[in-house]
Amino acid sequence: MTVAAALDTVRIAIARACKDAGRDPSEVTLVAVSKTFEADAIEPVVAAGQRVFGENRVQEAKGKWPALMAAHAGTQLHLIGPLQSNKTKEAVALFDAIHSIDRDSLCEALAKEIAAQKRDPVLFVQINTGAEPQKAGVLPEAADAFLKKCAETYRLKISGLMCIPPADEAPGPHFALTAKIARRNGLKLLSMGMSADFADAILLGATHVRVGSAIFGGR
């Protein structure tokens, strides 16, 4: 299957999930996860009409995306992996959205760079719904206080939440928990769901689904 055909298959599945959930497909943004793939593998996906892409690492994205974005007007780039505080200057300059805010030092660095660069990336706080020690993210029980601190202490405009459920657990309860935290904090965006579970995420309110292997194939 070509990447264009794979992309179309994913789009059809998203539309079907939206129909099942009684939602408008325009409410769900497909973030095509292009991490580890070079520009020549990404070009056919852009040519097929995809305009929102996700990367895990700032340095990798810096190496391939400035030229791609210059060549394709309207392309958006989202950082979906962990962000080191010392990479915030580069991240704010390059990315249109950052999905992985999870600690005070990062909030402080982002606030400084957003003000300095006069850029306004869409910001998500990552929730570690499974309390996994190896995974980034704010614990669910600390989320409300952290979101309040983002707004009041750092003056960051947080638009949504992101989660990555544990690989060995059903994703639904983790998506539902993230959506519940978002609702009670008045947040409208939910970055939830990947290639294997984006349909479940859409049923539970996802506004952004991060799909890589179902489009690009195995890494």
N, C-alpha and C. Protein backbone atom coordinates (compact mmCIF):
# COMPACT_ATOMS: atom_id res chain seq x y z
N MET A 1 0.84 -1.20 0.00
CA MET A 1 0.00 0.00 0.00
C MET A 1 0.88 1.25 0.00
N THR A 2 0.56 2.21 -0.86
CA THR A 2 1.30 3.47 -0.87
C THR A 2 0.95 4.29 0.35
N VAL A 3 1.80 5.26 0.69
CA VAL A 3 1.49 6.10 1.85
C VAL A 3 0.24 6.92 1.59
N ALA A 4 -0.01 7.31 0.34
CA ALA A 4 -1.22 8.07 0.01
C ALA A 4 -2.46 7.22 0.28
N ALA A 5 -2.40 5.92 -0.10
CA ALA A 5 -3.52 5.02 0.16
C ALA A 5 -3.69 4.77 1.65
N ALA A 6 -2.57 4.63 2.34
CA ALA A 6 -2.62 4.43 3.80
C ALA A 6 -3.23 5.64 4.49
N LEU A 7 -2.83 6.82 4.04
CA LEU A 7 -3.39 8.06 4.60
C LEU A 7 -4.90 8.11 4.38
N ASP A 8 -5.34 7.73 3.20
CA ASP A 8 -6.76 7.74 2.90
C ASP A 8 -7.51 6.74 3.78
N THR A 9 -6.91 5.58 4.02
CA THR A 9 -7.52 4.59 4.90
C THR A 9 -7.70 5.13 6.31
N VAL A 10 -6.68 5.83 6.80
CA VAL A 10 -6.77 6.43 8.14
C VAL A 10 -7.85 7.50 8.17
N ARG A 11 -7.91 8.32 7.15
CA ARG A 11 -8.94 9.36 7.10
C ARG A 11 -10.35 8.76 7.11
N ILE A 12 -10.53 7.68 6.37
CA ILE A 12 -11.84 7.01 6.34
C ILE A 12 -12.18 6.46 7.73
N ALA A 13 -11.18 5.88 8.40
CA ALA A 13 -11.41 5.34 9.75
C ALA A 13 -11.75 6.44 10.74
N ILE A 14 -11.10 7.59 10.61
CA ILE A 14 -11.41 8.73 11.47
C ILE A 14 -12.84 9.20 11.23
N ALA A 15 -13.24 9.29 9.98
CA ALA A 15 -14.61 9.72 9.64
C ALA A 15 -15.63 8.73 10.20
N ARG A 16 -15.31 7.43 10.12
CA ARG A 16 -16.22 6.41 10.65
C ARG A 16 -16.34 6.52 12.17
N ALA A 17 -15.22 6.72 12.84
CA ALA A 17 -15.25 6.86 14.30
C ALA A 17 -16.03 8.10 14.71
N CYS A 18 -15.86 9.18 13.96
CA CYS A 18 -16.63 10.40 14.26
C CYS A 18 -18.12 10.17 14.08
N LYS A 19 -18.48 9.45 13.03
CA LYS A 19 -19.90 9.14 12.81
C LYS A 19 -20.45 8.31 13.96
N ASP A 20 -19.69 7.31 14.39
CA ASP A 20 -20.12 6.47 15.51
C ASP A 20 -20.29 7.28 16.80
N ALA A 21 -19.46 8.31 16.94
CA ALA A 21 -19.51 9.14 18.14
C ALA A 21 -20.48 10.31 18.02
N GLY A 22 -21.10 10.45 16.85
CA GLY A 22 -21.99 11.58 16.63
C GLY A 22 -21.26 12.90 16.57
N ARG A 23 -20.02 12.87 16.05
CA ARG A 23 -19.19 14.07 15.98
C ARG A 23 -18.92 14.45 14.53
N ASP A 24 -18.62 15.72 14.33
CA ASP A 24 -18.23 16.23 13.02
C ASP A 24 -16.75 15.90 12.81
N PRO A 25 -16.39 15.27 11.68
CA PRO A 25 -14.97 14.96 11.43
C PRO A 25 -14.06 16.18 11.47
N SER A 26 -14.61 17.35 11.24
CA SER A 26 -13.79 18.57 11.28
C SER A 26 -13.29 18.87 12.69
N GLU A 27 -13.88 18.20 13.70
CA GLU A 27 -13.46 18.41 15.09
C GLU A 27 -12.18 17.64 15.42
N VAL A 28 -11.75 16.75 14.54
CA VAL A 28 -10.59 15.89 14.82
C VAL A 28 -9.46 16.20 13.85
N THR A 29 -8.30 16.57 14.40
CA THR A 29 -7.11 16.85 13.60
C THR A 29 -6.22 15.62 13.58
N LEU A 30 -5.88 15.18 12.38
CA LEU A 30 -4.94 14.07 12.21
C LEU A 30 -3.52 14.63 12.24
N VAL A 31 -2.75 14.18 13.22
CA VAL A 31 -1.33 14.54 13.31
C VAL A 31 -0.54 13.34 12.77
N ALA A 32 0.02 13.47 11.58
CA ALA A 32 0.80 12.39 10.97
C ALA A 32 2.19 12.38 11.61
N VAL A 33 2.51 11.32 12.33
CA VAL A 33 3.75 11.26 13.09
C VAL A 33 4.89 10.81 12.18
N SER A 34 5.77 11.75 11.87
CA SER A 34 6.83 11.52 10.89
C SER A 34 8.19 11.31 11.52
N LYS A 35 8.23 11.08 12.84
CA LYS A 35 9.51 10.88 13.52
C LYS A 35 10.27 9.71 12.88
N THR A 36 11.55 9.86 12.75
CA THR A 36 12.52 8.91 12.17
C THR A 36 12.44 8.80 10.65
N PHE A 37 11.46 9.42 10.02
CA PHE A 37 11.36 9.38 8.57
C PHE A 37 11.99 10.62 7.95
N GLU A 38 12.71 10.43 6.85
CA GLU A 38 13.37 11.55 6.18
C GLU A 38 12.39 12.28 5.27
N ALA A 39 12.85 13.42 4.75
CA ALA A 39 11.99 14.27 3.94
C ALA A 39 11.42 13.55 2.72
N ASP A 40 12.21 12.66 2.10
CA ASP A 40 11.71 11.99 0.89
C ASP A 40 10.56 11.04 1.20
N ALA A 41 10.46 10.56 2.45
CA ALA A 41 9.33 9.73 2.84
C ALA A 41 8.12 10.57 3.24
N ILE A 42 8.38 11.79 3.66
CA ILE A 42 7.30 12.68 4.09
C ILE A 42 6.62 13.37 2.90
N GLU A 43 7.40 13.66 1.88
CA GLU A 43 6.89 14.40 0.71
C GLU A 43 5.62 13.79 0.12
N PRO A 44 5.53 12.45 -0.08
CA PRO A 44 4.29 11.90 -0.65
C PRO A 44 3.07 12.11 0.23
N VAL A 45 3.28 12.17 1.54
CA VAL A 45 2.16 12.40 2.46
C VAL A 45 1.68 13.84 2.35
N VAL A 46 2.63 14.75 2.22
CA VAL A 46 2.27 16.16 1.99
C VAL A 46 1.54 16.29 0.66
N ALA A 47 2.06 15.60 -0.35
CA ALA A 47 1.44 15.66 -1.69
C ALA A 47 0.01 15.13 -1.69
N ALA A 48 -0.27 14.22 -0.75
CA ALA A 48 -1.63 13.65 -0.64
C ALA A 48 -2.56 14.55 0.15
N GLY A 49 -2.06 15.70 0.60
CA GLY A 49 -2.91 16.69 1.25
C GLY A 49 -2.78 16.81 2.75
N GLN A 50 -1.93 16.00 3.37
CA GLN A 50 -1.76 16.11 4.82
C GLN A 50 -0.93 17.34 5.15
N ARG A 51 -1.36 18.09 6.15
CA ARG A 51 -0.67 19.34 6.48
C ARG A 51 -0.25 19.46 7.95
N VAL A 52 -0.61 18.50 8.78
CA VAL A 52 -0.23 18.55 10.20
C VAL A 52 0.62 17.33 10.52
N PHE A 53 1.82 17.57 11.02
CA PHE A 53 2.77 16.49 11.28
C PHE A 53 3.29 16.57 12.70
N GLY A 54 3.70 15.43 13.24
CA GLY A 54 4.22 15.36 14.59
C GLY A 54 5.63 14.81 14.63
N GLU A 55 6.47 15.40 15.46
CA GLU A 55 7.84 14.95 15.65
C GLU A 55 8.11 14.79 17.15
N ASN A 56 9.03 13.87 17.48
CA ASN A 56 9.36 13.60 18.88
C ASN A 56 10.54 14.41 19.39
N ARG A 57 11.46 14.75 18.51
CA ARG A 57 12.71 15.38 18.94
C ARG A 57 12.95 16.70 18.21
N VAL A 58 13.37 17.69 18.96
CA VAL A 58 13.62 19.01 18.38
C VAL A 58 14.74 18.94 17.34
N GLN A 59 15.84 18.29 17.68
CA GLN A 59 16.99 18.28 16.78
C GLN A 59 16.67 17.58 15.47
N GLU A 60 15.96 16.47 15.54
CA GLU A 60 15.58 15.77 14.31
C GLU A 60 14.69 16.63 13.43
N ALA A 61 13.73 17.29 14.06
CA ALA A 61 12.81 18.14 13.31
C ALA A 61 13.54 19.31 12.65
N LYS A 62 14.51 19.88 13.37
CA LYS A 62 15.28 21.00 12.83
C LYS A 62 16.03 20.62 11.56
N GLY A 63 16.41 19.35 11.46
CA GLY A 63 17.19 18.90 10.33
C GLY A 63 16.41 18.74 9.05
N LYS A 64 15.09 18.55 9.15
CA LYS A 64 14.33 18.27 7.92
C LYS A 64 13.13 19.18 7.67
N TRP A 65 12.59 19.80 8.74
CA TRP A 65 11.33 20.50 8.55
C TRP A 65 11.40 21.94 8.04
N PRO A 66 12.40 22.73 8.33
CA PRO A 66 12.40 24.09 7.77
C PRO A 66 12.26 24.12 6.25
N ALA A 67 12.97 23.23 5.56
CA ALA A 67 12.87 23.19 4.09
C ALA A 67 11.50 22.69 3.65
N LEU A 68 10.98 21.67 4.33
CA LEU A 68 9.66 21.15 3.97
C LEU A 68 8.57 22.20 4.18
N MET A 69 8.65 22.93 5.30
CA MET A 69 7.64 23.94 5.58
C MET A 69 7.74 25.12 4.62
N ALA A 70 8.95 25.44 4.20
CA ALA A 70 9.12 26.52 3.22
C ALA A 70 8.55 26.12 1.87
N ALA A 71 8.64 24.84 1.55
CA ALA A 71 8.18 24.35 0.24
C ALA A 71 6.67 24.11 0.21
N HIS A 72 6.05 23.94 1.38
CA HIS A 72 4.63 23.60 1.44
C HIS A 72 3.91 24.54 2.40
N ALA A 73 3.33 25.57 1.85
CA ALA A 73 2.64 26.57 2.66
C ALA A 73 1.50 25.93 3.45
N GLY A 74 1.34 26.38 4.68
CA GLY A 74 0.24 25.90 5.50
C GLY A 74 0.54 24.66 6.30
N THR A 75 1.75 24.13 6.16
CA THR A 75 2.13 22.95 6.94
C THR A 75 2.33 23.32 8.40
N GLN A 76 1.81 22.51 9.30
CA GLN A 76 1.96 22.72 10.73
C GLN A 76 2.79 21.60 11.33
N LEU A 77 3.60 21.94 12.33
CA LEU A 77 4.44 20.96 12.98
C LEU A 77 4.16 20.95 14.47
N HIS A 78 3.91 19.75 15.01
CA HIS A 78 3.60 19.58 16.43
C HIS A 78 4.71 18.78 17.09
N LEU A 79 5.15 19.23 18.26
CA LEU A 79 6.10 18.47 19.06
C LEU A 79 5.30 17.57 19.99
N ILE A 80 5.43 16.25 19.81
CA ILE A 80 4.64 15.32 20.59
C ILE A 80 5.49 14.53 21.58
N GLY A 81 6.81 14.71 21.54
CA GLY A 81 7.70 14.03 22.46
C GLY A 81 8.14 14.95 23.59
N PRO A 82 8.88 14.41 24.55
CA PRO A 82 9.35 15.21 25.69
C PRO A 82 10.21 16.38 25.22
N LEU A 83 10.10 17.49 25.93
CA LEU A 83 10.87 18.69 25.60
C LEU A 83 11.80 19.03 26.76
N GLN A 84 13.10 19.10 26.46
CA GLN A 84 14.07 19.54 27.45
C GLN A 84 14.00 21.06 27.58
N SER A 85 14.16 21.55 28.78
CA SER A 85 14.07 23.00 29.01
C SER A 85 15.08 23.77 28.18
N ASN A 86 16.26 23.18 27.95
CA ASN A 86 17.29 23.90 27.17
C ASN A 86 17.03 23.88 25.68
N LYS A 87 15.93 23.24 25.25
CA LYS A 87 15.57 23.22 23.83
C LYS A 87 14.34 24.09 23.55
N THR A 88 13.88 24.84 24.54
CA THR A 88 12.64 25.58 24.35
C THR A 88 12.76 26.69 23.31
N LYS A 89 13.92 27.34 23.23
CA LYS A 89 14.08 28.41 22.24
C LYS A 89 13.88 27.87 20.83
N GLU A 90 14.52 26.75 20.54
CA GLU A 90 14.37 26.13 19.23
C GLU A 90 12.95 25.61 19.02
N ALA A 91 12.37 25.04 20.06
CA ALA A 91 11.03 24.47 19.93
C ALA A 91 9.98 25.53 19.64
N VAL A 92 10.05 26.64 20.37
CA VAL A 92 9.08 27.72 20.15
C VAL A 92 9.23 28.32 18.75
N ALA A 93 10.45 28.38 18.26
CA ALA A 93 10.68 28.93 16.92
C ALA A 93 10.15 28.02 15.82
N LEU A 94 10.17 26.70 16.06
CA LEU A 94 9.87 25.75 14.98
C LEU A 94 8.46 25.18 15.03
N PHE A 95 7.94 24.91 16.21
CA PHE A 95 6.70 24.15 16.32
C PHE A 95 5.47 25.05 16.48
N ASP A 96 4.36 24.59 15.89
CA ASP A 96 3.08 25.29 16.00
C ASP A 96 2.30 24.83 17.22
N ALA A 97 2.66 23.67 17.75
CA ALA A 97 2.00 23.14 18.95
C ALA A 97 2.99 22.30 19.73
N ILE A 98 2.87 22.30 21.05
CA ILE A 98 3.72 21.51 21.93
C ILE A 98 2.79 20.71 22.85
N HIS A 99 2.89 19.37 22.77
CA HIS A 99 1.94 18.49 23.45
C HIS A 99 2.44 17.97 24.79
N SER A 100 3.63 18.36 25.24
CA SER A 100 4.28 17.61 26.32
C SER A 100 4.74 18.46 27.50
N ILE A 101 3.97 19.46 27.87
CA ILE A 101 4.32 20.28 29.04
C ILE A 101 4.01 19.49 30.31
N ASP A 102 5.00 19.42 31.24
CA ASP A 102 4.78 18.56 32.39
C ASP A 102 5.54 18.96 33.67
N ARG A 103 6.21 20.13 33.67
CA ARG A 103 6.96 20.49 34.88
C ARG A 103 7.21 21.99 34.93
N ASP A 104 7.52 22.48 36.11
CA ASP A 104 7.67 23.91 36.33
C ASP A 104 8.83 24.51 35.54
N SER A 105 9.97 23.84 35.50
CA SER A 105 11.13 24.39 34.79
C SER A 105 10.82 24.59 33.31
N LEU A 106 10.06 23.68 32.74
CA LEU A 106 9.68 23.81 31.33
C LEU A 106 8.69 24.96 31.14
N CYS A 107 7.76 25.10 32.05
CA CYS A 107 6.80 26.22 31.98
C CYS A 107 7.54 27.55 32.01
N GLU A 108 8.49 27.67 32.91
CA GLU A 108 9.26 28.91 33.04
C GLU A 108 10.02 29.23 31.76
N ALA A 109 10.67 28.22 31.21
CA ALA A 109 11.45 28.42 29.98
C ALA A 109 10.54 28.75 28.80
N LEU A 110 9.39 28.07 28.70
CA LEU A 110 8.46 28.34 27.60
C LEU A 110 7.88 29.74 27.70
N ALA A 111 7.50 30.15 28.90
CA ALA A 111 6.94 31.49 29.07
C ALA A 111 7.93 32.55 28.61
N LYS A 112 9.19 32.36 28.95
CA LYS A 112 10.24 33.30 28.56
C LYS A 112 10.38 33.37 27.04
N GLU A 113 10.42 32.21 26.39
CA GLU A 113 10.63 32.19 24.94
C GLU A 113 9.41 32.65 24.16
N ILE A 114 8.22 32.30 24.63
CA ILE A 114 7.00 32.75 23.96
C ILE A 114 6.93 34.27 23.97
N ALA A 115 7.29 34.87 25.10
CA ALA A 115 7.30 36.34 25.19
C ALA A 115 8.39 36.95 24.32
N ALA A 116 9.56 36.33 24.32
CA ALA A 116 10.69 36.88 23.56
C ALA A 116 10.46 36.78 22.06
N GLN A 117 9.91 35.66 21.62
CA GLN A 117 9.75 35.42 20.18
C GLN A 117 8.40 35.91 19.64
N LYS A 118 7.51 36.27 20.57
CA LYS A 118 6.17 36.72 20.18
C LYS A 118 5.48 35.68 19.29
N ARG A 119 5.66 34.44 19.66
CA ARG A 119 4.96 33.34 19.00
C ARG A 119 3.94 32.75 19.97
N ASP A 120 2.94 32.08 19.43
CA ASP A 120 1.85 31.60 20.26
C ASP A 120 1.52 30.14 19.92
N PRO A 121 2.44 29.21 20.20
CA PRO A 121 2.13 27.81 19.92
C PRO A 121 0.98 27.31 20.77
N VAL A 122 0.22 26.37 20.23
CA VAL A 122 -0.84 25.73 21.00
C VAL A 122 -0.19 24.81 22.03
N LEU A 123 -0.61 24.92 23.27
CA LEU A 123 0.06 24.20 24.36
C LEU A 123 -0.85 23.15 25.00
N PHE A 124 -0.28 21.96 25.19
CA PHE A 124 -0.96 20.87 25.86
C PHE A 124 -0.14 20.45 27.08
N VAL A 125 -0.81 20.11 28.15
CA VAL A 125 -0.15 19.49 29.31
C VAL A 125 -0.28 17.97 29.17
N GLN A 126 0.83 17.28 29.35
CA GLN A 126 0.81 15.82 29.28
C GLN A 126 0.44 15.23 30.64
N ILE A 127 -0.53 14.31 30.63
CA ILE A 127 -0.97 13.63 31.84
C ILE A 127 -0.47 12.19 31.82
N ASN A 128 0.22 11.80 32.87
CA ASN A 128 0.72 10.43 33.01
C ASN A 128 -0.36 9.61 33.68
N THR A 129 -1.36 9.20 32.90
CA THR A 129 -2.55 8.57 33.47
C THR A 129 -2.25 7.24 34.13
N GLY A 130 -1.20 6.57 33.69
CA GLY A 130 -0.86 5.28 34.27
C GLY A 130 0.16 5.37 35.39
N ALA A 131 0.55 6.58 35.76
CA ALA A 131 1.58 6.79 36.79
C ALA A 131 2.81 5.93 36.53
N GLU A 132 3.24 5.90 35.27
CA GLU A 132 4.39 5.09 34.89
C GLU A 132 5.68 5.87 35.17
N PRO A 133 6.59 5.31 35.95
CA PRO A 133 7.79 6.05 36.33
C PRO A 133 8.71 6.39 35.16
N GLN A 134 8.67 5.59 34.10
CA GLN A 134 9.55 5.83 32.96
C GLN A 134 8.97 6.83 31.97
N LYS A 135 7.76 7.29 32.24
CA LYS A 135 7.06 8.14 31.27
C LYS A 135 6.90 9.55 31.83
N ALA A 136 7.01 10.53 30.94
CA ALA A 136 6.81 11.92 31.32
C ALA A 136 5.33 12.18 31.59
N GLY A 137 5.04 13.33 32.18
CA GLY A 137 3.66 13.72 32.39
C GLY A 137 3.33 14.02 33.84
N VAL A 138 2.30 14.81 34.03
CA VAL A 138 1.80 15.17 35.36
C VAL A 138 0.86 14.07 35.83
N LEU A 139 0.98 13.68 37.08
CA LEU A 139 0.06 12.68 37.62
C LEU A 139 -1.36 13.23 37.66
N PRO A 140 -2.35 12.39 37.43
CA PRO A 140 -3.74 12.88 37.39
C PRO A 140 -4.15 13.67 38.62
N GLU A 141 -3.74 13.21 39.80
CA GLU A 141 -4.15 13.90 41.03
C GLU A 141 -3.47 15.27 41.20
N ALA A 142 -2.41 15.51 40.42
CA ALA A 142 -1.71 16.80 40.49
C ALA A 142 -2.08 17.73 39.34
N ALA A 143 -2.93 17.24 38.45
CA ALA A 143 -3.19 17.99 37.21
C ALA A 143 -3.88 19.33 37.46
N ASP A 144 -4.89 19.35 38.31
CA ASP A 144 -5.63 20.61 38.52
C ASP A 144 -4.71 21.70 39.06
N ALA A 145 -3.90 21.35 40.05
CA ALA A 145 -3.00 22.35 40.64
C ALA A 145 -1.95 22.80 39.63
N PHE A 146 -1.46 21.86 38.82
CA PHE A 146 -0.45 22.21 37.83
C PHE A 146 -1.03 23.14 36.77
N LEU A 147 -2.23 22.86 36.31
CA LEU A 147 -2.87 23.72 35.31
C LEU A 147 -3.12 25.12 35.87
N LYS A 148 -3.51 25.19 37.12
CA LYS A 148 -3.70 26.50 37.75
C LYS A 148 -2.39 27.26 37.81
N LYS A 149 -1.32 26.58 38.13
CA LYS A 149 -0.01 27.21 38.20
C LYS A 149 0.45 27.68 36.82
N CYS A 150 0.18 26.88 35.79
CA CYS A 150 0.52 27.29 34.41
C CYS A 150 -0.09 28.65 34.09
N ALA A 151 -1.35 28.80 34.46
CA ALA A 151 -2.08 30.03 34.15
C ALA A 151 -1.68 31.19 35.04
N GLU A 152 -1.64 30.95 36.34
CA GLU A 152 -1.46 32.05 37.29
C GLU A 152 -0.01 32.44 37.52
N THR A 153 0.88 31.47 37.56
CA THR A 153 2.29 31.76 37.83
C THR A 153 3.06 32.07 36.56
N TYR A 154 2.82 31.26 35.51
CA TYR A 154 3.63 31.40 34.30
C TYR A 154 2.90 32.11 33.16
N ARG A 155 1.61 32.38 33.35
CA ARG A 155 0.81 33.07 32.34
C ARG A 155 0.85 32.33 30.99
N LEU A 156 0.84 31.02 31.08
CA LEU A 156 0.80 30.20 29.87
C LEU A 156 -0.65 29.89 29.53
N LYS A 157 -0.98 29.99 28.26
CA LYS A 157 -2.32 29.65 27.80
C LYS A 157 -2.33 28.16 27.42
N ILE A 158 -2.84 27.33 28.30
CA ILE A 158 -2.93 25.90 28.03
C ILE A 158 -4.27 25.63 27.34
N SER A 159 -4.20 24.98 26.18
CA SER A 159 -5.42 24.72 25.40
C SER A 159 -5.96 23.32 25.56
N GLY A 160 -5.11 22.38 26.01
CA GLY A 160 -5.60 21.01 26.08
C GLY A 160 -4.67 20.10 26.85
N LEU A 161 -5.03 18.82 26.85
CA LEU A 161 -4.27 17.78 27.53
C LEU A 161 -3.86 16.69 26.54
N MET A 162 -2.76 16.02 26.88
CA MET A 162 -2.29 14.89 26.08
C MET A 162 -2.05 13.70 26.99
N CYS A 163 -2.30 12.50 26.49
CA CYS A 163 -1.93 11.31 27.27
C CYS A 163 -1.46 10.20 26.35
N ILE A 164 -0.64 9.29 26.92
CA ILE A 164 -0.19 8.06 26.26
C ILE A 164 -0.49 6.92 27.22
N PRO A 165 -1.55 6.18 27.00
CA PRO A 165 -1.90 5.11 27.95
C PRO A 165 -0.81 4.04 28.03
N PRO A 166 -0.73 3.32 29.14
CA PRO A 166 0.21 2.20 29.25
C PRO A 166 -0.03 1.18 28.14
N ALA A 167 1.06 0.65 27.60
CA ALA A 167 0.95 -0.27 26.46
C ALA A 167 0.20 -1.55 26.79
N ASP A 168 0.23 -1.95 28.06
CA ASP A 168 -0.36 -3.23 28.44
C ASP A 168 -1.74 -3.09 29.09
N GLU A 169 -2.35 -1.93 28.93
CA GLU A 169 -3.68 -1.72 29.50
C GLU A 169 -4.65 -1.23 28.43
N ALA A 170 -5.92 -1.47 28.64
CA ALA A 170 -6.94 -0.95 27.74
C ALA A 170 -6.87 0.58 27.76
N PRO A 171 -6.87 1.22 26.58
CA PRO A 171 -6.69 2.68 26.57
C PRO A 171 -7.91 3.47 27.00
N GLY A 172 -9.10 2.89 26.86
CA GLY A 172 -10.32 3.64 27.11
C GLY A 172 -10.38 4.36 28.44
N PRO A 173 -10.12 3.68 29.55
CA PRO A 173 -10.17 4.37 30.85
C PRO A 173 -9.18 5.53 30.96
N HIS A 174 -8.04 5.41 30.31
CA HIS A 174 -7.05 6.49 30.34
C HIS A 174 -7.52 7.69 29.51
N PHE A 175 -8.14 7.41 28.37
CA PHE A 175 -8.71 8.50 27.58
C PHE A 175 -9.85 9.18 28.34
N ALA A 176 -10.69 8.38 28.98
CA ALA A 176 -11.81 8.94 29.72
C ALA A 176 -11.34 9.80 30.89
N LEU A 177 -10.29 9.36 31.58
CA LEU A 177 -9.75 10.13 32.70
C LEU A 177 -9.19 11.46 32.20
N THR A 178 -8.45 11.43 31.10
CA THR A 178 -7.88 12.67 30.55
C THR A 178 -8.99 13.63 30.14
N ALA A 179 -10.03 13.11 29.52
CA ALA A 179 -11.16 13.95 29.11
C ALA A 179 -11.86 14.56 30.31
N LYS A 180 -11.98 13.79 31.40
CA LYS A 180 -12.62 14.30 32.62
C LYS A 180 -11.82 15.45 33.21
N ILE A 181 -10.49 15.30 33.26
CA ILE A 181 -9.64 16.38 33.79
C ILE A 181 -9.77 17.62 32.92
N ALA A 182 -9.80 17.41 31.60
CA ALA A 182 -9.94 18.56 30.69
C ALA A 182 -11.25 19.29 30.90
N ARG A 183 -12.34 18.54 31.04
CA ARG A 183 -13.67 19.17 31.21
C ARG A 183 -13.72 20.03 32.45
N ARG A 184 -13.21 19.51 33.55
CA ARG A 184 -13.35 20.28 34.80
C ARG A 184 -12.41 21.48 34.84
N ASN A 185 -11.45 21.53 33.91
CA ASN A 185 -10.56 22.68 33.83
C ASN A 185 -10.86 23.57 32.62
N GLY A 186 -11.96 23.29 31.94
CA GLY A 186 -12.40 24.13 30.84
C GLY A 186 -11.51 24.06 29.61
N LEU A 187 -10.86 22.93 29.39
CA LEU A 187 -9.97 22.77 28.24
C LEU A 187 -10.67 22.00 27.13
N LYS A 188 -10.54 22.49 25.90
CA LYS A 188 -11.31 21.92 24.79
C LYS A 188 -10.53 20.93 23.94
N LEU A 189 -9.21 20.94 24.02
CA LEU A 189 -8.41 20.08 23.14
C LEU A 189 -7.91 18.85 23.88
N LEU A 190 -7.93 17.72 23.18
CA LEU A 190 -7.47 16.45 23.74
C LEU A 190 -6.62 15.73 22.71
N SER A 191 -5.34 15.60 23.00
CA SER A 191 -4.41 14.87 22.13
C SER A 191 -4.34 13.44 22.67
N MET A 192 -5.12 12.55 22.03
CA MET A 192 -5.24 11.17 22.52
C MET A 192 -5.40 10.23 21.33
N GLY A 193 -4.76 9.08 21.44
CA GLY A 193 -4.94 8.05 20.43
C GLY A 193 -3.81 8.02 19.41
N MET A 194 -3.37 6.78 19.12
CA MET A 194 -2.34 6.56 18.11
C MET A 194 -2.85 5.52 17.12
N SER A 195 -1.96 4.96 16.32
CA SER A 195 -2.39 4.09 15.22
C SER A 195 -3.33 2.97 15.68
N ALA A 196 -3.04 2.36 16.83
CA ALA A 196 -3.81 1.19 17.25
C ALA A 196 -5.11 1.53 17.96
N ASP A 197 -5.28 2.76 18.43
CA ASP A 197 -6.43 3.04 19.29
C ASP A 197 -7.09 4.39 19.04
N PHE A 198 -6.81 5.01 17.88
CA PHE A 198 -7.37 6.36 17.68
C PHE A 198 -8.89 6.36 17.58
N ALA A 199 -9.49 5.26 17.11
CA ALA A 199 -10.95 5.22 17.03
C ALA A 199 -11.56 5.28 18.43
N ASP A 200 -10.97 4.55 19.38
CA ASP A 200 -11.44 4.61 20.77
C ASP A 200 -11.28 6.02 21.33
N ALA A 201 -10.15 6.65 21.01
CA ALA A 201 -9.90 8.00 21.50
C ALA A 201 -10.93 9.00 20.98
N ILE A 202 -11.29 8.85 19.72
CA ILE A 202 -12.29 9.76 19.13
C ILE A 202 -13.64 9.59 19.82
N LEU A 203 -14.00 8.35 20.11
CA LEU A 203 -15.26 8.10 20.81
C LEU A 203 -15.28 8.78 22.18
N LEU A 204 -14.10 8.97 22.77
CA LEU A 204 -14.01 9.55 24.11
C LEU A 204 -13.57 11.02 24.08
N GLY A 205 -13.62 11.64 22.90
CA GLY A 205 -13.47 13.09 22.84
C GLY A 205 -12.19 13.63 22.24
N ALA A 206 -11.30 12.78 21.72
CA ALA A 206 -10.04 13.28 21.16
C ALA A 206 -10.28 14.32 20.08
N THR A 207 -9.50 15.38 20.12
CA THR A 207 -9.52 16.39 19.05
C THR A 207 -8.28 16.30 18.17
N HIS A 208 -7.24 15.62 18.67
CA HIS A 208 -6.01 15.41 17.92
C HIS A 208 -5.60 13.95 18.09
N VAL A 209 -5.44 13.23 16.98
CA VAL A 209 -4.97 11.85 17.04
C VAL A 209 -3.60 11.79 16.37
N ARG A 210 -2.67 11.07 16.99
CA ARG A 210 -1.28 11.03 16.56
C ARG A 210 -1.01 9.69 15.89
N VAL A 211 -0.99 9.68 14.58
CA VAL A 211 -0.93 8.43 13.82
C VAL A 211 0.34 8.38 12.99
N GLY A 212 1.17 7.38 13.24
CA GLY A 212 2.42 7.25 12.51
C GLY A 212 2.50 6.01 11.66
N SER A 213 2.59 4.83 12.29
CA SER A 213 2.83 3.61 11.55
C SER A 213 1.69 3.25 10.60
N ALA A 214 0.46 3.61 10.92
CA ALA A 214 -0.65 3.32 10.02
C ALA A 214 -0.56 4.11 8.72
N ILE A 215 0.24 5.17 8.72
CA ILE A 215 0.45 5.97 7.50
C ILE A 215 1.79 5.66 6.86
N PHE A 216 2.86 5.73 7.65
CA PHE A 216 4.21 5.62 7.12
C PHE A 216 4.73 4.18 7.08
N GLY A 217 4.08 3.27 7.80
CA GLY A 217 4.59 1.92 7.90
C GLY A 217 5.51 1.78 9.08
N GLY A 218 6.09 0.60 9.24
CA GLY A 218 6.96 0.32 10.38
C GLY A 218 8.26 1.10 10.31
N ARG A 219 8.80 1.37 11.51
CA ARG A 219 10.06 2.10 11.57
C ARG A 219 11.22 1.13 11.68
